Amino acid sequence: MTFHSTIIRPCTGTYLTLPLYYFRLFQEQNRDVLKKLGFATLLMFTLPIIGFYLGLHFLFSQKQEPTAWSGIFAVVIANCVVSGYVYSAFAEDDEGDMINNEDDEDNDEAAPRVGAFKRRTD
């Protein structure tokens, strides 16, 4: 069962029904994610196209198959954009890591130690 929200389009005055999870990205705590995703989407749309035409007319114009080389160049640029977005997503601070436990050096209240990290008490 999905819940929907109805909004009015400003220009036409018609109603538009959208799922509620659509609006989660616009909440206060998710605005940085929206900015990062929008910027990565913009780069993903523009940089490979620009790279293709730069490669076609300037970098690989003397090659035997400049369109193939330019296509490969555009794919490499697209992969760089995706890997940069993934790296920036993993480089963010987690909300769970911000718990300040400087007093407790073995930090057992957060989670019990198991396996190789378990401390013997006998």
PDB file of N, CA and C in Angstrom:
ATOM      1  N   MET A   1       0.840  -1.164   0.000  1.00  0.00           N
ATOM      2  CA  MET A   1       0.000   0.000   0.000  1.00  0.00           C
ATOM      3  C   MET A   1       0.892   1.236   0.000  1.00  0.00           C
ATOM      4  N   THR A   2       0.792   2.032  -1.030  1.00  0.00           N
ATOM      5  CA  THR A   2       1.582   3.249  -1.108  1.00  0.00           C
ATOM      6  C   THR A   2       0.684   4.452  -0.887  1.00  0.00           C
ATOM      7  N   PHE A   3       1.215   5.427  -0.221  1.00  0.00           N
ATOM      8  CA  PHE A   3       0.483   6.654   0.047  1.00  0.00           C
ATOM      9  C   PHE A   3       0.888   7.695  -0.980  1.00  0.00           C
ATOM     10  N   HIS A   4      -0.051   8.493  -1.401  1.00  0.00           N
ATOM     11  CA  HIS A   4       0.210   9.495  -2.410  1.00  0.00           C
ATOM     12  C   HIS A   4      -0.158  10.878  -1.881  1.00  0.00           C
ATOM     13  N   SER A   5       0.445  11.872  -2.473  1.00  0.00           N
ATOM     14  CA  SER A   5       0.143  13.249  -2.134  1.00  0.00           C
ATOM     15  C   SER A   5      -0.261  13.959  -3.419  1.00  0.00           C
ATOM     16  N   THR A   6      -1.263  14.778  -3.335  1.00  0.00           N
ATOM     17  CA  THR A   6      -1.748  15.498  -4.504  1.00  0.00           C
ATOM     18  C   THR A   6      -1.284  16.944  -4.416  1.00  0.00           C
ATOM     19  N   ILE A   7      -0.659  17.420  -5.475  1.00  0.00           N
ATOM     20  CA  ILE A   7      -0.233  18.814  -5.543  1.00  0.00           C
ATOM     21  C   ILE A   7      -0.841  19.448  -6.783  1.00  0.00           C
ATOM     22  N   ILE A   8      -0.903  20.754  -6.784  1.00  0.00           N
ATOM     23  CA  ILE A   8      -1.449  21.483  -7.928  1.00  0.00           C
ATOM     24  C   ILE A   8      -0.294  22.049  -8.734  1.00  0.00           C
ATOM     25  N   ARG A   9      -0.314  21.814 -10.036  1.00  0.00           N
ATOM     26  CA  ARG A   9       0.700  22.395 -10.912  1.00  0.00           C
ATOM     27  C   ARG A   9       0.453  23.894 -11.023  1.00  0.00           C
ATOM     28  N   PRO A  10       1.497  24.711 -10.822  1.00  0.00           N
ATOM     29  CA  PRO A  10       1.280  26.160 -10.791  1.00  0.00           C
ATOM     30  C   PRO A  10       0.839  26.745 -12.135  1.00  0.00           C
ATOM     31  N   CYS A  11       1.375  26.271 -13.221  1.00  0.00           N
ATOM     32  CA  CYS A  11       1.087  26.886 -14.518  1.00  0.00           C
ATOM     33  C   CYS A  11      -0.294  26.514 -15.043  1.00  0.00           C
ATOM     34  N   THR A  12      -0.645  25.249 -14.941  1.00  0.00           N
ATOM     35  CA  THR A  12      -1.879  24.779 -15.559  1.00  0.00           C
ATOM     36  C   THR A  12      -3.030  24.673 -14.585  1.00  0.00           C
ATOM     37  N   GLY A  13      -2.765  24.569 -13.307  1.00  0.00           N
ATOM     38  CA  GLY A  13      -3.819  24.418 -12.317  1.00  0.00           C
ATOM     39  C   GLY A  13      -4.349  22.997 -12.222  1.00  0.00           C
ATOM     40  N   THR A  14      -3.711  22.054 -12.914  1.00  0.00           N
ATOM     41  CA  THR A  14      -4.141  20.665 -12.849  1.00  0.00           C
ATOM     42  C   THR A  14      -3.531  19.988 -11.633  1.00  0.00           C
ATOM     43  N   TYR A  15      -4.108  18.866 -11.264  1.00  0.00           N
ATOM     44  CA  TYR A  15      -3.636  18.120 -10.106  1.00  0.00           C
ATOM     45  C   TYR A  15      -2.639  17.057 -10.536  1.00  0.00           C
ATOM     46  N   LEU A  16      -1.637  16.852  -9.715  1.00  0.00           N
ATOM     47  CA  LEU A  16      -0.621  15.843  -9.963  1.00  0.00           C
ATOM     48  C   LEU A  16      -0.484  14.998  -8.710  1.00  0.00           C
ATOM     49  N   THR A  17      -0.576  13.694  -8.854  1.00  0.00           N
ATOM     50  CA  THR A  17      -0.468  12.792  -7.711  1.00  0.00           C
ATOM     51  C   THR A  17       0.912  12.144  -7.727  1.00  0.00           C
ATOM     52  N   LEU A  18       1.646  12.335  -6.648  1.00  0.00           N
ATOM     53  CA  LEU A  18       2.995  11.793  -6.524  1.00  0.00           C
ATOM     54  C   LEU A  18       3.077  10.931  -5.273  1.00  0.00           C
ATOM     55  N   PRO A  19       3.914   9.883  -5.295  1.00  0.00           N
ATOM     56  CA  PRO A  19       4.108   9.096  -4.068  1.00  0.00           C
ATOM     57  C   PRO A  19       4.813   9.936  -3.002  1.00  0.00           C
ATOM     58  N   LEU A  20       4.548   9.632  -1.736  1.00  0.00           N
ATOM     59  CA  LEU A  20       5.104  10.419  -0.639  1.00  0.00           C
ATOM     60  C   LEU A  20       6.617  10.299  -0.529  1.00  0.00           C
ATOM     61  N   TYR A  21       7.187   9.148  -0.946  1.00  0.00           N
ATOM     62  CA  TYR A  21       8.644   9.025  -0.854  1.00  0.00           C
ATOM     63  C   TYR A  21       9.351   9.986  -1.791  1.00  0.00           C
ATOM     64  N   TYR A  22       8.653  10.544  -2.750  1.00  0.00           N
ATOM     65  CA  TYR A  22       9.242  11.537  -3.653  1.00  0.00           C
ATOM     66  C   TYR A  22       9.669  12.787  -2.888  1.00  0.00           C
ATOM     67  N   PHE A  23       8.919  13.141  -1.849  1.00  0.00           N
ATOM     68  CA  PHE A  23       9.180  14.363  -1.111  1.00  0.00           C
ATOM     69  C   PHE A  23      10.257  14.202  -0.037  1.00  0.00           C
ATOM     70  N   ARG A  24      10.703  12.999   0.213  1.00  0.00           N
ATOM     71  CA  ARG A  24      11.743  12.792   1.231  1.00  0.00           C
ATOM     72  C   ARG A  24      13.058  13.448   0.840  1.00  0.00           C
ATOM     73  N   LEU A  25      13.332  13.528  -0.441  1.00  0.00           N
ATOM     74  CA  LEU A  25      14.585  14.121  -0.892  1.00  0.00           C
ATOM     75  C   LEU A  25      14.619  15.620  -0.640  1.00  0.00           C
ATOM     76  N   PHE A  26      13.453  16.252  -0.511  1.00  0.00           N
ATOM     77  CA  PHE A  26      13.392  17.691  -0.307  1.00  0.00           C
ATOM     78  C   PHE A  26      13.317  18.085   1.165  1.00  0.00           C
ATOM     79  N   GLN A  27      13.399  17.124   2.072  1.00  0.00           N
ATOM     80  CA  GLN A  27      13.385  17.446   3.489  1.00  0.00           C
ATOM     81  C   GLN A  27      14.712  18.082   3.887  1.00  0.00           C
ATOM     82  N   GLU A  28      14.709  18.749   5.023  1.00  0.00           N
ATOM     83  CA  GLU A  28      15.872  19.519   5.473  1.00  0.00           C
ATOM     84  C   GLU A  28      17.142  18.668   5.596  1.00  0.00           C
ATOM     85  N   GLN A  29      17.019  17.476   6.169  1.00  0.00           N
ATOM     86  CA  GLN A  29      18.195  16.656   6.405  1.00  0.00           C
ATOM     87  C   GLN A  29      18.734  16.026   5.122  1.00  0.00           C
ATOM     88  N   ASN A  30      17.973  16.060   4.043  1.00  0.00           N
ATOM     89  CA  ASN A  30      18.404  15.440   2.795  1.00  0.00           C
ATOM     90  C   ASN A  30      18.801  16.446   1.724  1.00  0.00           C
ATOM     91  N   ARG A  31      18.885  17.713   2.050  1.00  0.00           N
ATOM     92  CA  ARG A  31      19.194  18.721   1.034  1.00  0.00           C
ATOM     93  C   ARG A  31      20.602  18.593   0.497  1.00  0.00           C
ATOM     94  N   ASP A  32      21.554  18.205   1.340  1.00  0.00           N
ATOM     95  CA  ASP A  32      22.921  18.008   0.850  1.00  0.00           C
ATOM     96  C   ASP A  32      22.986  16.854  -0.140  1.00  0.00           C
ATOM     97  N   VAL A  33      22.220  15.818   0.130  1.00  0.00           N
ATOM     98  CA  VAL A  33      22.166  14.679  -0.783  1.00  0.00           C
ATOM     99  C   VAL A  33      21.560  15.108  -2.112  1.00  0.00           C
ATOM    100  N   LEU A  34      20.514  15.933  -2.062  1.00  0.00           N
ATOM    101  CA  LEU A  34      19.881  16.423  -3.280  1.00  0.00           C
ATOM    102  C   LEU A  34      20.845  17.278  -4.088  1.00  0.00           C
ATOM    103  N   LYS A  35      21.606  18.137  -3.422  1.00  0.00           N
ATOM    104  CA  LYS A  35      22.586  18.968  -4.124  1.00  0.00           C
ATOM    105  C   LYS A  35      23.659  18.108  -4.778  1.00  0.00           C
ATOM    106  N   LYS A  36      24.154  17.133  -4.036  1.00  0.00           N
ATOM    107  CA  LYS A  36      25.207  16.277  -4.574  1.00  0.00           C
ATOM    108  C   LYS A  36      24.699  15.443  -5.742  1.00  0.00           C
ATOM    109  N   LEU A  37      23.490  14.909  -5.620  1.00  0.00           N
ATOM    110  CA  LEU A  37      22.902  14.120  -6.690  1.00  0.00           C
ATOM    111  C   LEU A  37      22.613  14.976  -7.916  1.00  0.00           C
ATOM    112  N   GLY A  38      22.105  16.180  -7.708  1.00  0.00           N
ATOM    113  CA  GLY A  38      21.851  17.081  -8.835  1.00  0.00           C
ATOM    114  C   GLY A  38      23.129  17.480  -9.548  1.00  0.00           C
ATOM    115  N   PHE A  39      24.181  17.762  -8.780  1.00  0.00           N
ATOM    116  CA  PHE A  39      25.462  18.128  -9.382  1.00  0.00           C
ATOM    117  C   PHE A  39      26.057  16.959 -10.164  1.00  0.00           C
ATOM    118  N   ALA A  40      25.989  15.760  -9.592  1.00  0.00           N
ATOM    119  CA  ALA A  40      26.501  14.582 -10.296  1.00  0.00           C
ATOM    120  C   ALA A  40      25.685  14.287 -11.551  1.00  0.00           C
ATOM    121  N   THR A  41      24.381  14.504 -11.492  1.00  0.00           N
ATOM    122  CA  THR A  41      23.537  14.302 -12.672  1.00  0.00           C
ATOM    123  C   THR A  41      23.884  15.303 -13.762  1.00  0.00           C
ATOM    124  N   LEU A  42      24.096  16.548 -13.374  1.00  0.00           N
ATOM    125  CA  LEU A  42      24.490  17.565 -14.346  1.00  0.00           C
ATOM    126  C   LEU A  42      25.831  17.224 -14.989  1.00  0.00           C
ATOM    127  N   LEU A  43      26.794  16.816 -14.170  1.00  0.00           N
ATOM    128  CA  LEU A  43      28.098  16.417 -14.722  1.00  0.00           C
ATOM    129  C   LEU A  43      27.985  15.188 -15.610  1.00  0.00           C
ATOM    130  N   MET A  44      27.135  14.242 -15.211  1.00  0.00           N
ATOM    131  CA  MET A  44      26.966  13.012 -15.984  1.00  0.00           C
ATOM    132  C   MET A  44      26.321  13.298 -17.339  1.00  0.00           C
ATOM    133  N   PHE A  45      25.519  14.319 -17.411  1.00  0.00           N
ATOM    134  CA  PHE A  45      24.869  14.670 -18.662  1.00  0.00           C
ATOM    135  C   PHE A  45      25.790  15.477 -19.574  1.00  0.00           C
ATOM    136  N   THR A  46      26.563  16.405 -19.007  1.00  0.00           N
ATOM    137  CA  THR A  46      27.324  17.331 -19.841  1.00  0.00           C
ATOM    138  C   THR A  46      28.750  16.877 -20.157  1.00  0.00           C
ATOM    139  N   LEU A  47      29.478  16.378 -19.176  1.00  0.00           N
ATOM    140  CA  LEU A  47      30.896  16.091 -19.401  1.00  0.00           C
ATOM    141  C   LEU A  47      31.174  15.027 -20.470  1.00  0.00           C
ATOM    142  N   PRO A  48      30.443  13.904 -20.507  1.00  0.00           N
ATOM    143  CA  PRO A  48      30.722  12.950 -21.584  1.00  0.00           C
ATOM    144  C   PRO A  48      30.423  13.499 -22.981  1.00  0.00           C
ATOM    145  N   ILE A  49      29.392  14.322 -23.110  1.00  0.00           N
ATOM    146  CA  ILE A  49      29.093  14.914 -24.423  1.00  0.00           C
ATOM    147  C   ILE A  49      30.177  15.902 -24.825  1.00  0.00           C
ATOM    148  N   ILE A  50      30.581  16.746 -23.891  1.00  0.00           N
ATOM    149  CA  ILE A  50      31.661  17.699 -24.173  1.00  0.00           C
ATOM    150  C   ILE A  50      32.949  16.946 -24.485  1.00  0.00           C
ATOM    151  N   GLY A  51      33.240  15.914 -23.703  1.00  0.00           N
ATOM    152  CA  GLY A  51      34.442  15.115 -23.941  1.00  0.00           C
ATOM    153  C   GLY A  51      34.419  14.418 -25.295  1.00  0.00           C
ATOM    154  N   PHE A  52      33.241  13.944 -25.716  1.00  0.00           N
ATOM    155  CA  PHE A  52      33.140  13.297 -27.026  1.00  0.00           C
ATOM    156  C   PHE A  52      33.495  14.270 -28.142  1.00  0.00           C
ATOM    157  N   TYR A  53      32.909  15.467 -28.104  1.00  0.00           N
ATOM    158  CA  TYR A  53      33.171  16.422 -29.181  1.00  0.00           C
ATOM    159  C   TYR A  53      34.569  17.020 -29.107  1.00  0.00           C
ATOM    160  N   LEU A  54      35.109  17.188 -27.910  1.00  0.00           N
ATOM    161  CA  LEU A  54      36.508  17.619 -27.805  1.00  0.00           C
ATOM    162  C   LEU A  54      37.445  16.556 -28.362  1.00  0.00           C
ATOM    163  N   GLY A  55      37.165  15.310 -28.047  1.00  0.00           N
ATOM    164  CA  GLY A  55      37.978  14.229 -28.585  1.00  0.00           C
ATOM    165  C   GLY A  55      37.838  14.088 -30.082  1.00  0.00           C
ATOM    166  N   LEU A  56      36.633  14.278 -30.590  1.00  0.00           N
ATOM    167  CA  LEU A  56      36.382  14.125 -32.018  1.00  0.00           C
ATOM    168  C   LEU A  56      37.080  15.206 -32.835  1.00  0.00           C
ATOM    169  N   HIS A  57      37.036  16.447 -32.370  1.00  0.00           N
ATOM    170  CA  HIS A  57      37.568  17.554 -33.164  1.00  0.00           C
ATOM    171  C   HIS A  57      38.992  17.954 -32.814  1.00  0.00           C
ATOM    172  N   PHE A  58      39.460  17.661 -31.603  1.00  0.00           N
ATOM    173  CA  PHE A  58      40.785  18.139 -31.211  1.00  0.00           C
ATOM    174  C   PHE A  58      41.756  17.018 -30.845  1.00  0.00           C
ATOM    175  N   LEU A  59      41.356  16.118 -29.966  1.00  0.00           N
ATOM    176  CA  LEU A  59      42.295  15.133 -29.438  1.00  0.00           C
ATOM    177  C   LEU A  59      42.572  13.988 -30.411  1.00  0.00           C
ATOM    178  N   PHE A  60      41.548  13.463 -31.046  1.00  0.00           N
ATOM    179  CA  PHE A  60      41.701  12.261 -31.871  1.00  0.00           C
ATOM    180  C   PHE A  60      41.376  12.509 -33.336  1.00  0.00           C
ATOM    181  N   SER A  61      41.496  13.745 -33.783  1.00  0.00           N
ATOM    182  CA  SER A  61      41.137  14.036 -35.174  1.00  0.00           C
ATOM    183  C   SER A  61      42.113  13.414 -36.168  1.00  0.00           C
ATOM    184  N   GLN A  62      43.322  13.109 -35.765  1.00  0.00           N
ATOM    185  CA  GLN A  62      44.319  12.527 -36.661  1.00  0.00           C
ATOM    186  C   GLN A  62      44.292  10.998 -36.660  1.00  0.00           C
ATOM    187  N   LYS A  63      43.524  10.402 -35.791  1.00  0.00           N
ATOM    188  CA  LYS A  63      43.432   8.934 -35.731  1.00  0.00           C
ATOM    189  C   LYS A  63      42.610   8.407 -36.899  1.00  0.00           C
ATOM    190  N   GLN A  64      42.720   7.098 -37.126  1.00  0.00           N
ATOM    191  CA  GLN A  64      41.991   6.483 -38.227  1.00  0.00           C
ATOM    192  C   GLN A  64      40.488   6.434 -37.937  1.00  0.00           C
ATOM    193  N   GLU A  65      40.088   6.153 -36.707  1.00  0.00           N
ATOM    194  CA  GLU A  65      38.684   6.104 -36.296  1.00  0.00           C
ATOM    195  C   GLU A  65      38.462   7.091 -35.141  1.00  0.00           C
ATOM    196  N   PRO A  66      38.302   8.374 -35.445  1.00  0.00           N
ATOM    197  CA  PRO A  66      38.177   9.351 -34.342  1.00  0.00           C
ATOM    198  C   PRO A  66      36.882   9.201 -33.553  1.00  0.00           C
ATOM    199  N   THR A  67      35.807   8.709 -34.171  1.00  0.00           N
ATOM    200  CA  THR A  67      34.563   8.568 -33.416  1.00  0.00           C
ATOM    201  C   THR A  67      34.667   7.451 -32.373  1.00  0.00           C
ATOM    202  N   ALA A  68      35.361   6.377 -32.710  1.00  0.00           N
ATOM    203  CA  ALA A  68      35.541   5.295 -31.746  1.00  0.00           C
ATOM    204  C   ALA A  68      36.389   5.757 -30.567  1.00  0.00           C
ATOM    205  N   TRP A  69      37.481   6.445 -30.851  1.00  0.00           N
ATOM    206  CA  TRP A  69      38.331   6.952 -29.785  1.00  0.00           C
ATOM    207  C   TRP A  69      37.598   7.979 -28.926  1.00  0.00           C
ATOM    208  N   SER A  70      36.807   8.817 -29.560  1.00  0.00           N
ATOM    209  CA  SER A  70      36.041   9.816 -28.807  1.00  0.00           C
ATOM    210  C   SER A  70      34.967   9.152 -27.953  1.00  0.00           C
ATOM    211  N   GLY A  71      34.354   8.094 -28.458  1.00  0.00           N
ATOM    212  CA  GLY A  71      33.371   7.354 -27.669  1.00  0.00           C
ATOM    213  C   GLY A  71      33.998   6.712 -26.451  1.00  0.00           C
ATOM    214  N   ILE A  72      35.173   6.136 -26.634  1.00  0.00           N
ATOM    215  CA  ILE A  72      35.890   5.544 -25.495  1.00  0.00           C
ATOM    216  C   ILE A  72      36.252   6.616 -24.477  1.00  0.00           C
ATOM    217  N   PHE A  73      36.661   7.779 -24.977  1.00  0.00           N
ATOM    218  CA  PHE A  73      36.996   8.893 -24.098  1.00  0.00           C
ATOM    219  C   PHE A  73      35.769   9.348 -23.304  1.00  0.00           C
ATOM    220  N   ALA A  74      34.605   9.402 -23.942  1.00  0.00           N
ATOM    221  CA  ALA A  74      33.374   9.795 -23.257  1.00  0.00           C
ATOM    222  C   ALA A  74      32.985   8.763 -22.198  1.00  0.00           C
ATOM    223  N   VAL A  75      33.192   7.481 -22.483  1.00  0.00           N
ATOM    224  CA  VAL A  75      32.887   6.436 -21.502  1.00  0.00           C
ATOM    225  C   VAL A  75      33.817   6.546 -20.297  1.00  0.00           C
ATOM    226  N   VAL A  76      35.075   6.841 -20.536  1.00  0.00           N
ATOM    227  CA  VAL A  76      36.029   7.007 -19.430  1.00  0.00           C
ATOM    228  C   VAL A  76      35.620   8.198 -18.568  1.00  0.00           C
ATOM    229  N   ILE A  77      35.199   9.280 -19.196  1.00  0.00           N
ATOM    230  CA  ILE A  77      34.754  10.451 -18.432  1.00  0.00           C
ATOM    231  C   ILE A  77      33.508  10.114 -17.609  1.00  0.00           C
ATOM    232  N   ALA A  78      32.568   9.388 -18.195  1.00  0.00           N
ATOM    233  CA  ALA A  78      31.355   9.003 -17.462  1.00  0.00           C
ATOM    234  C   ALA A  78      31.702   8.118 -16.269  1.00  0.00           C
ATOM    235  N   ASN A  79      32.627   7.206 -16.448  1.00  0.00           N
ATOM    236  CA  ASN A  79      33.047   6.350 -15.334  1.00  0.00           C
ATOM    237  C   ASN A  79      33.752   7.159 -14.251  1.00  0.00           C
ATOM    238  N   CYS A  80      34.503   8.171 -14.628  1.00  0.00           N
ATOM    239  CA  CYS A  80      35.142   9.039 -13.638  1.00  0.00           C
ATOM    240  C   CYS A  80      34.107   9.811 -12.832  1.00  0.00           C
ATOM    241  N   VAL A  81      33.045  10.278 -13.493  1.00  0.00           N
ATOM    242  CA  VAL A  81      31.992  10.996 -12.779  1.00  0.00           C
ATOM    243  C   VAL A  81      31.290  10.062 -11.794  1.00  0.00           C
ATOM    244  N   VAL A  82      30.966   8.854 -12.221  1.00  0.00           N
ATOM    245  CA  VAL A  82      30.290   7.902 -11.340  1.00  0.00           C
ATOM    246  C   VAL A  82      31.184   7.522 -10.167  1.00  0.00           C
ATOM    247  N   SER A  83      32.452   7.243 -10.434  1.00  0.00           N
ATOM    248  CA  SER A  83      33.351   6.868  -9.343  1.00  0.00           C
ATOM    249  C   SER A  83      33.575   8.034  -8.387  1.00  0.00           C
ATOM    250  N   GLY A  84      33.608   9.260  -8.891  1.00  0.00           N
ATOM    251  CA  GLY A  84      33.717  10.422  -8.017  1.00  0.00           C
ATOM    252  C   GLY A  84      32.500  10.585  -7.125  1.00  0.00           C
ATOM    253  N   TYR A  85      31.319  10.314  -7.671  1.00  0.00           N
ATOM    254  CA  TYR A  85      30.092  10.395  -6.872  1.00  0.00           C
ATOM    255  C   TYR A  85      30.081   9.307  -5.799  1.00  0.00           C
ATOM    256  N   VAL A  86      30.478   8.102  -6.164  1.00  0.00           N
ATOM    257  CA  VAL A  86      30.509   7.006  -5.190  1.00  0.00           C
ATOM    258  C   VAL A  86      31.533   7.301  -4.092  1.00  0.00           C
ATOM    259  N   TYR A  87      32.702   7.820  -4.478  1.00  0.00           N
ATOM    260  CA  TYR A  87      33.722   8.159  -3.489  1.00  0.00           C
ATOM    261  C   TYR A  87      33.216   9.239  -2.528  1.00  0.00           C
ATOM    262  N   SER A  88      32.556  10.266  -3.089  1.00  0.00           N
ATOM    263  CA  SER A  88      32.064  11.334  -2.215  1.00  0.00           C
ATOM    264  C   SER A  88      30.942  10.834  -1.302  1.00  0.00           C
ATOM    265  N   ALA A  89      30.165   9.867  -1.770  1.00  0.00           N
ATOM    266  CA  ALA A  89      29.109   9.308  -0.923  1.00  0.00           C
ATOM    267  C   ALA A  89      29.702   8.494   0.226  1.00  0.00           C
ATOM    268  N   PHE A  90      30.752   7.736  -0.044  1.00  0.00           N
ATOM    269  CA  PHE A  90      31.376   6.956   1.017  1.00  0.00           C
ATOM    270  C   PHE A  90      32.232   7.814   1.934  1.00  0.00           C
ATOM    271  N   ALA A  91      32.670   8.977   1.487  1.00  0.00           N
ATOM    272  CA  ALA A  91      33.508   9.846   2.305  1.00  0.00           C
ATOM    273  C   ALA A  91      32.697  10.672   3.295  1.00  0.00           C
ATOM    274  N   GLU A  92      31.368  10.659   3.176  1.00  0.00           N
ATOM    275  CA  GLU A  92      30.529  11.403   4.108  1.00  0.00           C
ATOM    276  C   GLU A  92      30.617  10.803   5.503  1.00  0.00           C
ATOM    277  N   ASP A  93      30.400  11.658   6.511  1.00  0.00           N
ATOM    278  CA  ASP A  93      30.343  11.178   7.885  1.00  0.00           C
ATOM    279  C   ASP A  93      29.002  10.512   8.111  1.00  0.00           C
ATOM    280  N   ASP A  94      29.029   9.362   8.744  1.00  0.00           N
ATOM    281  CA  ASP A  94      27.795   8.693   9.117  1.00  0.00           C
ATOM    282  C   ASP A  94      27.241   9.326  10.365  1.00  0.00           C
ATOM    283  N   GLU A  95      25.941   9.346  10.496  1.00  0.00           N
ATOM    284  CA  GLU A  95      25.323   9.914  11.694  1.00  0.00           C
ATOM    285  C   GLU A  95      25.640   9.072  12.919  1.00  0.00           C
ATOM    286  N   GLY A  96      25.795   7.765  12.760  1.00  0.00           N
ATOM    287  CA  GLY A  96      26.104   6.887  13.873  1.00  0.00           C
ATOM    288  C   GLY A  96      27.524   7.047  14.377  1.00  0.00           C
ATOM    289  N   ASP A  97      28.433   7.542  13.555  1.00  0.00           N
ATOM    290  CA  ASP A  97      29.818   7.735  13.967  1.00  0.00           C
ATOM    291  C   ASP A  97      30.009   8.996  14.802  1.00  0.00           C
ATOM    292  N   MET A  98      29.005   9.834  14.889  1.00  0.00           N
ATOM    293  CA  MET A  98      29.158  11.099  15.591  1.00  0.00           C
ATOM    294  C   MET A  98      28.904  10.981  17.089  1.00  0.00           C
ATOM    295  N   ILE A  99      28.662   9.795  17.576  1.00  0.00           N
ATOM    296  CA  ILE A  99      28.468   9.596  19.002  1.00  0.00           C
ATOM    297  C   ILE A  99      29.811   9.790  19.698  1.00  0.00           C
ATOM    298  N   ASN A 100      29.844  10.631  20.710  1.00  0.00           N
ATOM    299  CA  ASN A 100      31.088  10.976  21.379  1.00  0.00           C
ATOM    300  C   ASN A 100      31.271  10.088  22.602  1.00  0.00           C
ATOM    301  N   ASN A 101      32.169   9.130  22.509  1.00  0.00           N
ATOM    302  CA  ASN A 101      32.484   8.238  23.630  1.00  0.00           C
ATOM    303  C   ASN A 101      33.965   8.326  23.961  1.00  0.00           C
ATOM    304  N   GLU A 102      34.428   9.529  24.292  1.00  0.00           N
ATOM    305  CA  GLU A 102      35.841   9.694  24.598  1.00  0.00           C
ATOM    306  C   GLU A 102      36.201   9.123  25.966  1.00  0.00           C
ATOM    307  N   ASP A 103      35.254   9.102  26.927  1.00  0.00           N
ATOM    308  CA  ASP A 103      35.536   8.615  28.266  1.00  0.00           C
ATOM    309  C   ASP A 103      35.730   7.107  28.272  1.00  0.00           C
ATOM    310  N   ASP A 104      34.961   6.409  27.472  1.00  0.00           N
ATOM    311  CA  ASP A 104      34.942   4.954  27.474  1.00  0.00           C
ATOM    312  C   ASP A 104      35.907   4.451  26.403  1.00  0.00           C
ATOM    313  N   GLU A 105      37.075   3.968  26.836  1.00  0.00           N
ATOM    314  CA  GLU A 105      38.071   3.594  25.831  1.00  0.00           C
ATOM    315  C   GLU A 105      37.794   2.253  25.175  1.00  0.00           C
ATOM    316  N   ASP A 106      37.088   1.323  25.826  1.00  0.00           N
ATOM    317  CA  ASP A 106      36.785   0.065  25.144  1.00  0.00           C
ATOM    318  C   ASP A 106      35.412   0.077  24.483  1.00  0.00           C
ATOM    319  N   ASN A 107      34.599   1.118  24.709  1.00  0.00           N
ATOM    320  CA  ASN A 107      33.377   1.379  23.950  1.00  0.00           C
ATOM    321  C   ASN A 107      32.433   0.188  23.923  1.00  0.00           C
ATOM    322  N   ASP A 108      32.236  -0.483  25.068  1.00  0.00           N
ATOM    323  CA  ASP A 108      31.396  -1.675  25.099  1.00  0.00           C
ATOM    324  C   ASP A 108      29.910  -1.350  25.092  1.00  0.00           C
ATOM    325  N   GLU A 109      29.516  -0.126  25.456  1.00  0.00           N
ATOM    326  CA  GLU A 109      28.100   0.190  25.470  1.00  0.00           C
ATOM    327  C   GLU A 109      27.513   0.266  24.064  1.00  0.00           C
ATOM    328  N   ALA A 110      28.311   0.636  23.074  1.00  0.00           N
ATOM    329  CA  ALA A 110      27.792   0.773  21.716  1.00  0.00           C
ATOM    330  C   ALA A 110      27.424  -0.588  21.139  1.00  0.00           C
ATOM    331  N   ALA A 111      28.297  -1.575  21.299  1.00  0.00           N
ATOM    332  CA  ALA A 111      28.032  -2.921  20.793  1.00  0.00           C
ATOM    333  C   ALA A 111      29.006  -3.877  21.478  1.00  0.00           C
ATOM    334  N   PRO A 112      28.575  -5.092  21.725  1.00  0.00           N
ATOM    335  CA  PRO A 112      29.493  -6.038  22.362  1.00  0.00           C
ATOM    336  C   PRO A 112      30.583  -6.470  21.394  1.00  0.00           C
ATOM    337  N   ARG A 113      31.756  -6.736  21.946  1.00  0.00           N
ATOM    338  CA  ARG A 113      32.865  -7.213  21.121  1.00  0.00           C
ATOM    339  C   ARG A 113      32.686  -8.697  20.873  1.00  0.00           C
ATOM    340  N   VAL A 114      32.899  -9.096  19.631  1.00  0.00           N
ATOM    341  CA  VAL A 114      32.768 -10.499  19.265  1.00  0.00           C
ATOM    342  C   VAL A 114      33.971 -10.898  18.415  1.00  0.00           C
ATOM    343  N   GLY A 115      34.197 -12.198  18.346  1.00  0.00           N
ATOM    344  CA  GLY A 115      35.256 -12.721  17.469  1.00  0.00           C
ATOM    345  C   GLY A 115      36.634 -12.295  17.920  1.00  0.00           C
ATOM    346  N   ALA A 116      37.449 -11.819  16.991  1.00  0.00           N
ATOM    347  CA  ALA A 116      38.829 -11.426  17.276  1.00  0.00           C
ATOM    348  C   ALA A 116      38.894 -10.195  18.167  1.00  0.00           C
ATOM    349  N   PHE A 117      37.825  -9.393  18.240  1.00  0.00           N
ATOM    350  CA  PHE A 117      37.835  -8.174  19.022  1.00  0.00           C
ATOM    351  C   PHE A 117      37.372  -8.383  20.458  1.00  0.00           C
ATOM    352  N   LYS A 118      36.928  -9.594  20.794  1.00  0.00           N
ATOM    353  CA  LYS A 118      36.420  -9.873  22.126  1.00  0.00           C
ATOM    354  C   LYS A 118      37.581  -9.909  23.109  1.00  0.00           C
ATOM    355  N   ARG A 119      37.390  -9.271  24.254  1.00  0.00           N
ATOM    356  CA  ARG A 119      38.413  -9.212  25.297  1.00  0.00           C
ATOM    357  C   ARG A 119      38.086 -10.285  26.337  1.00  0.00           C
ATOM    358  N   ARG A 120      39.078 -11.099  26.657  1.00  0.00           N
ATOM    359  CA  ARG A 120      38.884 -12.172  27.656  1.00  0.00           C
ATOM    360  C   ARG A 120      38.836 -11.566  29.048  1.00  0.00           C
ATOM    361  N   THR A 121      37.939 -12.089  29.843  1.00  0.00           N
ATOM    362  CA  THR A 121      37.800 -11.573  31.200  1.00  0.00           C
ATOM    363  C   THR A 121      38.155 -12.575  32.278  1.00  0.00           C
ATOM    364  N   ASP A 122      38.599 -13.800  31.887  1.00  0.00           N
ATOM    365  CA  ASP A 122      38.905 -14.794  32.918  1.00  0.00           C
ATOM    366  C   ASP A 122      40.365 -14.862  33.257  1.00  0.00           C
TER     367      ASP A 122
END
